[in-house]
Protein backbone atom coordinates (compact mmCIF):
# COMPACT_ATOMS: atom_id res chain seq x y z
CA UNK A 1 20.40 19.41 -19.14
CA UNK A 2 18.96 17.58 -22.28
CA UNK A 3 21.34 14.62 -21.79
CA UNK A 4 20.12 14.12 -18.19
CA UNK A 5 16.50 14.32 -19.40
CA UNK A 6 17.34 12.08 -22.20
CA UNK A 7 18.91 9.61 -19.87
CA UNK A 8 16.08 9.72 -17.53
CA UNK A 9 13.52 8.90 -20.20
CA UNK A 10 15.67 6.00 -21.56
CA UNK A 11 15.75 4.65 -17.92
CA UNK A 12 12.05 5.03 -17.48
CA UNK A 13 11.31 3.48 -20.85
CA UNK A 14 13.27 0.41 -19.99
CA UNK A 15 11.63 0.07 -16.59
CA UNK A 16 8.32 0.57 -18.02
CA UNK A 17 8.94 -2.03 -20.69
CA UNK A 18 10.27 -4.64 -18.15
CA UNK A 19 7.19 -4.38 -15.91
CA UNK A 20 4.70 -3.83 -18.68
CA UNK A 21 2.19 -6.74 -18.70
CA UNK A 22 3.55 -7.91 -15.27
CA UNK A 23 0.15 -9.03 -13.97
CA UNK A 24 0.55 -12.54 -15.55
CA UNK A 25 4.10 -12.62 -14.02
CA UNK A 26 3.38 -11.61 -10.48
CA UNK A 27 3.11 -15.29 -9.26
CA UNK A 28 6.62 -15.77 -9.81
CA UNK A 29 8.40 -12.45 -10.49
CA UNK A 30 11.81 -12.92 -12.18
CA UNK A 31 13.48 -9.90 -11.00
CA UNK A 32 13.43 -7.07 -8.39
CA UNK A 33 11.69 -4.64 -10.81
CA UNK A 34 8.78 -6.91 -11.42
CA UNK A 35 8.45 -7.88 -7.72
CA UNK A 36 8.25 -4.30 -6.82
CA UNK A 37 5.70 -3.54 -9.68
CA UNK A 38 3.61 -6.29 -8.50
CA UNK A 39 3.73 -5.31 -4.64
CA UNK A 40 3.01 -1.83 -5.83
CA UNK A 41 -0.21 -2.96 -7.76
CA UNK A 42 -1.22 -4.73 -4.58
CA UNK A 43 -0.67 -1.87 -2.49
CA UNK A 44 -2.59 0.54 -4.89
CA UNK A 45 -5.60 -1.94 -4.82
CA UNK A 46 -5.52 -2.28 -1.13
CA UNK A 47 -5.10 1.33 -0.43
CA UNK A 48 -7.99 2.30 -2.63
CA UNK A 49 -10.13 -0.19 -0.79
CA UNK A 50 -9.09 0.96 2.54
CA UNK A 51 -9.97 4.61 1.63
CA UNK A 52 -13.48 3.58 0.31
CA UNK A 53 -14.01 1.52 3.60
CA UNK A 54 -12.86 4.24 5.78
CA UNK A 55 -15.04 6.80 4.06
CA UNK A 56 -17.84 4.33 4.25
CA UNK A 57 -17.59 3.74 8.06
CA UNK A 58 -17.08 7.24 8.91
CA UNK A 59 -20.15 8.19 6.77
CA UNK A 60 -22.08 5.62 8.81
CA UNK A 61 -20.88 6.96 11.94
CA UNK A 62 -21.75 10.64 10.92
CA UNK A 63 -25.61 9.35 9.94
CA UNK A 64 -25.58 7.91 13.57
CA UNK A 65 -24.49 11.29 14.95
CA UNK A 66 -21.86 9.45 16.87
CA UNK A 67 -19.10 12.03 17.36
CA UNK A 68 -17.19 9.93 20.07
CA UNK A 69 -17.12 6.98 17.54
CA UNK A 70 -15.97 9.14 14.69
CA UNK A 71 -13.30 10.56 16.92
CA UNK A 72 -12.09 7.05 17.86
CA UNK A 73 -12.09 5.87 14.37
CA UNK A 74 -9.93 8.83 13.44
CA UNK A 75 -7.56 8.20 16.30
CA UNK A 76 -7.50 4.37 15.56
CA UNK A 77 -6.81 5.02 11.72
CA UNK A 78 -3.96 7.46 12.43
CA UNK A 79 -2.41 5.20 15.01
CA UNK A 80 -2.71 2.02 12.72
CA UNK A 81 -0.95 3.93 9.89
CA UNK A 82 1.79 4.84 12.19
CA UNK A 83 2.27 1.20 13.30
CA UNK A 84 1.94 -0.34 9.69
CA UNK A 85 4.65 2.19 8.60
CA UNK A 86 7.10 1.31 11.45
CA UNK A 87 6.36 -2.37 11.20
CA UNK A 88 7.02 -2.39 7.42
CA UNK A 89 10.28 -0.39 8.04
CA UNK A 90 11.33 -2.93 10.50
CA UNK A 91 10.85 -5.67 8.10
CA UNK A 92 12.65 -4.04 5.45
CA UNK A 93 15.55 -3.42 7.64
CA UNK A 94 16.47 -6.88 7.15
CA UNK A 95 17.65 -6.20 3.59
CA UNK A 96 18.94 -2.42 4.54
CA UNK A 97 20.62 -1.15 1.55
CA UNK A 98 19.56 -4.01 -0.78
CA UNK A 99 17.67 -3.78 -3.87
CA UNK A 100 15.06 -5.97 -2.49
CA UNK A 101 14.38 -3.80 0.63
CA UNK A 102 11.61 -1.79 -1.05
CA UNK A 103 9.86 -4.97 -2.22
CA UNK A 104 9.81 -6.18 1.26
CA UNK A 105 8.51 -2.88 2.58
CA UNK A 106 5.86 -2.41 -0.25
CA UNK A 107 4.63 -6.02 0.24
CA UNK A 108 4.40 -5.44 3.90
CA UNK A 109 2.37 -2.24 3.36
CA UNK A 110 0.09 -4.11 0.97
CA UNK A 111 -0.34 -7.19 3.28
CA UNK A 112 -1.05 -4.90 6.43
CA UNK A 113 -3.38 -2.66 4.75
CA UNK A 114 -5.36 -5.87 3.37
CA UNK A 115 -5.61 -6.86 6.89
CA UNK A 116 -6.94 -3.58 7.89
CA UNK A 117 -9.52 -3.60 5.28
CA UNK A 118 -10.81 -6.75 6.95
CA UNK A 119 -11.24 -5.04 10.28
CA UNK A 120 -12.70 -2.06 8.60
CA UNK A 121 -15.39 -4.51 7.07
CA UNK A 122 -16.10 -5.83 10.42
CA UNK A 123 -16.46 -2.46 12.09
CA UNK A 124 -19.08 -1.58 9.17
CA UNK A 125 -21.08 -4.85 9.82
CA UNK A 126 -21.19 -3.95 13.67
CA UNK A 127 -22.24 -0.42 13.02
């Protein structure tokens, strides 16, 4: 058991040292681990923004006492998430089983989430 933990810790240390300071290298990542780390950073930022915009929009609709609009927003968001996940899975399928599949899928999730953020900003402006 100790060997398994030691090995896992060693692998994680190598991975973390490989991607440490990767922000400067994201324009031209040299390996799959760095490309995945960069895509993961993009997704984390886009997802954080998405959650904030969604909460702001939902709050605005609540203030306006627009129960129907709240319901439609929730439905739209659930359907959008299902679409995003299916679309990115399809795009990643091109590299099925390859080391770059997760990079393609994560990059796709970040891209589509950034697009959704634009849509939510537009809705905030409308309401």
